[in-house]
Amino acid sequence: MFNNTVIVITGGSSGLGKALAQRFIKKGATLALIARDKKKLTIVREELSPLCTAGQRVEIFSGNVADYTAIKETLNIIANTIGEPDILLNCAGIVREGYFEKLPHSTFREQMDINYFGTLNCTKAVLPYFKKKGRGRIVNIASLGGKIGSFGCTAYCASKFAVVGLTEVLRMELKPFHITIHLVCPGEFESPMVEELNTYRTPENRVVNKTVPVLPLNVVADEVLKGIEKEHYLIIPGFIARFLEMISRWFPATSRLIIDYQIRRVYQGPT
């Protein structure tokens, strides 16, 4: 399925992007990794290059997914030097948590720029190549926070809800062109992003997020890969995360009651 394909991965220098890159290289793909940190990208390339067999390559491109002009040029370079892409994985993302009234407007704009417009920009840039080939595959990494709101994540959840909405419509619009869309909505998992978040979470966020266990990165990457191979549209790694998403979808009032109870305990203190 992935042998001799060209896969573009944004956010490929760490976290889920890097973990998926490791798996795709073992499946015979050629990789184009995009991230802002050139040093981290170089380290990843050094780790993955020895795994390449004849005909495979790992190339890196430093860039900001929020800059459409730059991303469009990067895709053009990839197409001309490595080959026209077959698959795009939109993994680049950031999270900032905090009380709504204390979050500056810049935080909302930053998360929308990277999480939402970054996904939009890369998708728009890759479409001409997919339409030319008459096929393609786009994997959008959203979040469980794009299906269920989380305390302290007004900026993050807004951006990820936007990614979910974008992906839903893209699935409809692009299916006639034989372009397959996957929506990935993981809960929290082991990553540098979550490690940073743990240093400053609000008490309410800590309590609410205990509802879904933090998954090992390898478990998330394996389930994402499996979901893509099985042609699943919606991929939610972890049984508890899938269960909570189902409860939220089918019994939203019950979901709200559970979350409200957890938050109320924080304000009341231990009994």
Protein backbone atom coordinates (compact mmCIF):
# COMPACT_ATOMS: atom_id res chain seq x y z
CA MET A 1 0.00 0.00 0.00
CA PHE A 2 2.84 2.41 0.80
CA ASN A 3 5.68 0.82 -1.15
CA ASN A 4 7.20 3.21 -3.71
CA THR A 5 4.95 6.05 -2.61
CA VAL A 6 6.00 9.62 -1.82
CA ILE A 7 4.62 10.66 1.56
CA VAL A 8 4.70 14.25 2.81
CA ILE A 9 4.53 14.59 6.60
CA THR A 10 4.19 17.96 8.30
CA GLY A 11 5.34 18.13 11.90
CA GLY A 12 7.71 15.32 10.97
CA SER A 13 10.49 16.26 13.38
CA SER A 14 8.88 14.95 16.58
CA GLY A 15 5.84 13.35 18.18
CA LEU A 16 3.30 11.54 16.05
CA GLY A 17 4.73 12.85 12.77
CA LYS A 18 8.11 11.31 13.55
CA ALA A 19 6.57 8.05 14.81
CA LEU A 20 4.53 7.66 11.62
CA ALA A 21 7.60 8.48 9.51
CA GLN A 22 9.40 5.56 11.17
CA ARG A 23 6.58 3.23 10.24
CA PHE A 24 6.18 4.42 6.67
CA ILE A 25 9.88 4.11 5.93
CA LYS A 26 9.65 0.45 6.96
CA LYS A 27 6.72 0.08 4.55
CA GLY A 28 8.89 1.13 1.61
CA ALA A 29 7.86 4.78 1.23
CA THR A 30 9.99 7.79 0.34
CA LEU A 31 9.47 10.59 2.83
CA ALA A 32 9.43 14.37 2.66
CA LEU A 33 9.39 15.72 6.22
CA ILE A 34 8.36 19.33 6.88
CA ALA A 35 8.84 21.18 10.18
CA ARG A 36 10.11 24.49 11.45
CA ASP A 37 13.12 23.15 13.37
CA LYS A 38 15.85 22.26 10.85
CA LYS A 39 18.09 20.79 13.56
CA LYS A 40 15.43 18.33 14.73
CA LEU A 41 14.65 17.43 11.13
CA THR A 42 18.31 16.66 10.48
CA ILE A 43 18.41 14.32 13.47
CA VAL A 44 15.30 12.49 12.26
CA ARG A 45 16.77 12.08 8.78
CA GLU A 46 19.95 10.62 10.29
CA GLU A 47 17.84 8.14 12.26
CA LEU A 48 15.66 7.08 9.33
CA SER A 49 18.12 7.06 6.43
CA PRO A 50 19.79 3.77 7.48
CA LEU A 51 16.36 2.09 7.23
CA CYS A 52 16.03 3.01 3.55
CA THR A 53 16.32 0.32 0.92
CA ALA A 54 17.13 0.83 -2.75
CA GLY A 55 15.03 3.63 -4.23
CA GLN A 56 13.93 5.08 -0.90
CA ARG A 57 14.85 8.54 0.39
CA VAL A 58 14.23 10.74 3.40
CA GLU A 59 14.38 14.43 2.60
CA ILE A 60 13.74 17.32 4.99
CA PHE A 61 12.28 20.78 4.43
CA SER A 62 12.24 23.58 6.97
CA GLY A 63 9.05 25.59 6.72
CA ASN A 64 6.03 27.08 8.47
CA VAL A 65 2.73 25.46 7.48
CA ALA A 66 0.94 28.73 8.32
CA ASP A 67 2.65 30.37 5.32
CA TYR A 68 0.72 29.22 2.25
CA THR A 69 3.12 30.72 -0.29
CA ALA A 70 6.11 29.01 1.34
CA ILE A 71 4.31 25.66 1.64
CA LYS A 72 3.20 25.80 -1.99
CA GLU A 73 6.83 26.36 -3.04
CA THR A 74 7.99 23.51 -0.77
CA LEU A 75 5.50 21.13 -2.41
CA ASN A 76 6.78 22.23 -5.80
CA ILE A 77 10.36 21.47 -4.76
CA ILE A 78 9.31 18.07 -3.42
CA ALA A 79 7.50 17.22 -6.66
CA ASN A 80 10.50 18.23 -8.78
CA THR A 81 13.23 16.59 -6.69
CA ILE A 82 11.65 13.56 -5.05
CA GLY A 83 8.49 12.96 -7.01
CA GLU A 84 4.89 14.08 -6.97
CA PRO A 85 3.33 13.23 -3.60
CA ASP A 86 0.94 10.33 -3.16
CA ILE A 87 0.00 10.90 0.49
CA LEU A 88 -0.13 13.95 2.76
CA LEU A 89 -0.13 13.67 6.55
CA ASN A 90 -1.05 16.92 8.29
CA CYS A 91 0.56 16.31 11.69
CA ALA A 92 1.84 19.80 12.52
CA GLY A 93 0.08 21.28 15.52
CA ILE A 94 0.44 23.16 18.79
CA VAL A 95 -1.56 23.47 22.00
CA ARG A 96 -1.86 26.29 24.54
CA GLU A 97 -4.09 25.82 27.59
CA GLY A 98 -5.48 28.41 29.97
CA TYR A 99 -8.57 30.26 31.15
CA PHE A 100 -10.42 31.92 28.28
CA GLU A 101 -10.38 35.44 29.73
CA LYS A 102 -6.63 35.23 30.34
CA LEU A 103 -5.63 33.94 26.90
CA PRO A 104 -4.50 36.76 24.60
CA HIS A 105 -5.91 37.06 21.11
CA SER A 106 -2.48 36.15 19.78
CA THR A 107 -2.83 32.65 21.28
CA PHE A 108 -6.09 32.06 19.41
CA ARG A 109 -4.59 33.33 16.17
CA GLU A 110 -1.44 31.25 16.57
CA GLN A 111 -3.35 28.02 17.08
CA MET A 112 -5.73 28.71 14.23
CA ASP A 113 -2.80 29.63 11.98
CA ILE A 114 -0.92 26.38 12.63
CA ASN A 115 -3.60 23.83 13.50
CA TYR A 116 -6.33 24.91 11.08
CA PHE A 117 -4.77 27.07 8.38
CA GLY A 118 -1.67 24.87 8.38
CA THR A 119 -3.86 21.89 7.51
CA LEU A 120 -5.80 23.94 4.97
CA ASN A 121 -2.64 25.35 3.35
CA CYS A 122 -0.92 22.00 2.91
CA THR A 123 -4.09 20.40 1.60
CA LYS A 124 -4.65 23.17 -0.93
CA ALA A 125 -0.99 22.99 -2.02
CA VAL A 126 -1.03 19.24 -2.59
CA LEU A 127 -4.35 18.97 -4.45
CA PRO A 128 -3.04 19.86 -7.95
CA TYR A 129 -0.63 16.90 -7.78
CA PHE A 130 -3.32 14.51 -6.58
CA LYS A 131 -5.77 15.62 -9.25
CA LYS A 132 -3.10 15.29 -11.91
CA LYS A 133 -2.46 11.70 -10.80
CA GLY A 134 -6.14 10.96 -10.42
CA ARG A 135 -5.66 9.72 -6.86
CA GLY A 136 -4.25 10.68 -3.48
CA ARG A 137 -4.63 10.31 0.27
CA ILE A 138 -4.85 12.98 2.98
CA VAL A 139 -4.57 12.21 6.69
CA ASN A 140 -5.60 15.08 8.96
CA ILE A 141 -4.50 14.80 12.58
CA ALA A 142 -7.20 16.60 14.55
CA SER A 143 -7.84 15.66 18.18
CA LEU A 144 -10.43 14.22 20.53
CA GLY A 145 -10.56 17.91 21.48
CA GLY A 146 -11.97 18.50 18.02
CA LYS A 147 -14.97 16.31 18.87
CA ILE A 148 -15.37 17.03 22.62
CA GLY A 149 -14.57 20.33 24.31
CA SER A 150 -11.99 20.36 27.11
CA PHE A 151 -11.69 22.86 29.95
CA GLY A 152 -9.03 25.48 29.31
CA CYS A 153 -8.75 24.66 25.62
CA THR A 154 -10.96 27.28 24.01
CA ALA A 155 -8.23 28.20 21.52
CA TYR A 156 -7.05 24.64 20.88
CA CYS A 157 -10.49 23.03 20.62
CA ALA A 158 -11.76 25.81 18.35
CA SER A 159 -8.88 25.13 15.95
CA LYS A 160 -9.37 21.37 16.06
CA PHE A 161 -13.16 21.58 15.67
CA ALA A 162 -12.37 23.64 12.57
CA VAL A 163 -10.07 20.87 11.30
CA VAL A 164 -12.84 18.32 11.85
CA GLY A 165 -15.33 20.45 9.91
CA LEU A 166 -12.86 21.05 7.10
CA THR A 167 -12.08 17.35 6.86
CA GLU A 168 -15.75 16.34 6.81
CA VAL A 169 -16.40 18.55 3.78
CA LEU A 170 -13.15 17.59 2.04
CA ARG A 171 -14.20 13.94 2.23
CA MET A 172 -17.36 14.79 0.26
CA GLU A 173 -15.75 17.12 -2.26
CA LEU A 174 -12.66 15.06 -3.05
CA LYS A 175 -14.13 11.55 -3.18
CA PRO A 176 -15.18 11.94 -6.85
CA PHE A 177 -11.51 12.60 -7.66
CA HIS A 178 -10.41 9.36 -5.95
CA ILE A 179 -8.75 11.26 -3.12
CA THR A 180 -9.17 9.41 0.17
CA ILE A 181 -9.52 11.38 3.41
CA HIS A 182 -8.79 10.19 6.96
CA LEU A 183 -9.66 12.08 10.14
CA VAL A 184 -7.56 11.15 13.18
CA CYS A 185 -8.82 12.25 16.60
CA PRO A 186 -6.50 11.02 19.36
CA GLY A 187 -6.75 11.94 23.01
CA GLU A 188 -3.56 12.94 24.75
CA PHE A 189 -0.53 10.78 24.13
CA GLU A 190 3.13 10.85 25.10
CA SER A 191 4.76 13.69 23.17
CA PRO A 192 6.88 16.81 23.69
CA MET A 193 3.69 18.87 23.32
CA VAL A 194 1.99 17.10 26.24
CA GLU A 195 5.16 17.25 28.34
CA GLU A 196 5.18 21.02 27.95
CA LEU A 197 1.45 21.21 28.68
CA ASN A 198 1.97 19.33 31.95
CA THR A 199 4.15 22.16 33.25
CA TYR A 200 1.35 24.71 33.41
CA ARG A 201 -2.10 23.08 33.18
CA THR A 202 -5.04 24.59 35.04
CA PRO A 203 -6.35 22.36 37.88
CA GLU A 204 -9.65 21.87 36.05
CA ASN A 205 -7.87 20.73 32.89
CA ARG A 206 -5.83 18.20 34.87
CA VAL A 207 -9.00 16.67 36.32
CA VAL A 208 -11.03 16.61 33.08
CA ASN A 209 -8.19 15.09 31.08
CA LYS A 210 -7.74 12.23 33.54
CA THR A 211 -10.95 10.83 32.03
CA VAL A 212 -8.91 9.64 29.04
CA PRO A 213 -5.62 7.89 29.86
CA VAL A 214 -2.52 9.29 28.18
CA LEU A 215 -1.59 6.70 25.54
CA PRO A 216 1.94 5.62 24.64
CA LEU A 217 3.05 7.24 21.39
CA ASN A 218 3.71 3.85 19.77
CA VAL A 219 0.15 2.71 20.47
CA VAL A 220 -1.28 5.82 18.80
CA ALA A 221 1.03 5.54 15.78
CA ASP A 222 0.23 1.83 15.34
CA GLU A 223 -3.53 2.44 15.49
CA VAL A 224 -3.31 5.34 13.04
CA LEU A 225 -1.36 3.22 10.59
CA LYS A 226 -3.79 0.32 11.00
CA GLY A 227 -6.77 2.64 10.45
CA ILE A 228 -5.27 4.01 7.25
CA GLU A 229 -4.52 0.52 5.95
CA LYS A 230 -8.12 -0.53 6.67
CA GLU A 231 -9.43 2.59 4.88
CA HIS A 232 -11.20 3.92 7.98
CA TYR A 233 -12.35 7.50 7.67
CA LEU A 234 -12.49 8.28 11.41
CA ILE A 235 -9.59 6.96 13.46
CA ILE A 236 -9.73 7.40 17.25
CA PRO A 237 -6.86 5.57 18.99
CA GLY A 238 -7.69 3.96 22.33
CA PHE A 239 -10.86 2.19 23.47
CA ILE A 240 -11.73 4.72 26.18
CA ALA A 241 -11.35 7.64 23.77
CA ARG A 242 -13.63 5.90 21.25
CA PHE A 243 -16.17 5.16 23.97
CA LEU A 244 -16.24 8.75 25.23
CA GLU A 245 -16.60 10.10 21.70
CA MET A 246 -19.56 7.77 21.18
CA ILE A 247 -21.15 8.87 24.49
CA SER A 248 -20.66 12.52 23.56
CA ARG A 249 -22.24 11.94 20.15
CA TRP A 250 -25.20 9.82 21.21
CA PHE A 251 -25.78 11.07 24.76
CA PRO A 252 -24.43 14.64 24.85
CA ALA A 253 -26.34 15.61 27.99
CA THR A 254 -24.77 12.71 29.89
CA SER A 255 -21.34 13.73 28.66
CA ARG A 256 -21.86 17.29 29.87
CA LEU A 257 -23.06 16.09 33.28
CA ILE A 258 -19.92 14.01 33.76
CA ILE A 259 -17.61 16.88 32.84
CA ASP A 260 -19.55 19.37 35.01
CA TYR A 261 -19.30 16.99 37.98
CA GLN A 262 -15.54 16.70 37.56
CA ILE A 263 -15.07 20.47 37.39
CA ARG A 264 -17.40 21.04 40.37
CA ARG A 265 -15.17 18.78 42.47
CA VAL A 266 -12.19 21.05 41.76
CA TYR A 267 -14.03 24.13 43.02
CA GLN A 268 -15.46 22.36 46.07
CA GLY A 269 -12.13 20.86 47.06
CA PRO A 270 -11.59 17.41 48.65
CA THR A 271 -14.36 16.12 50.90
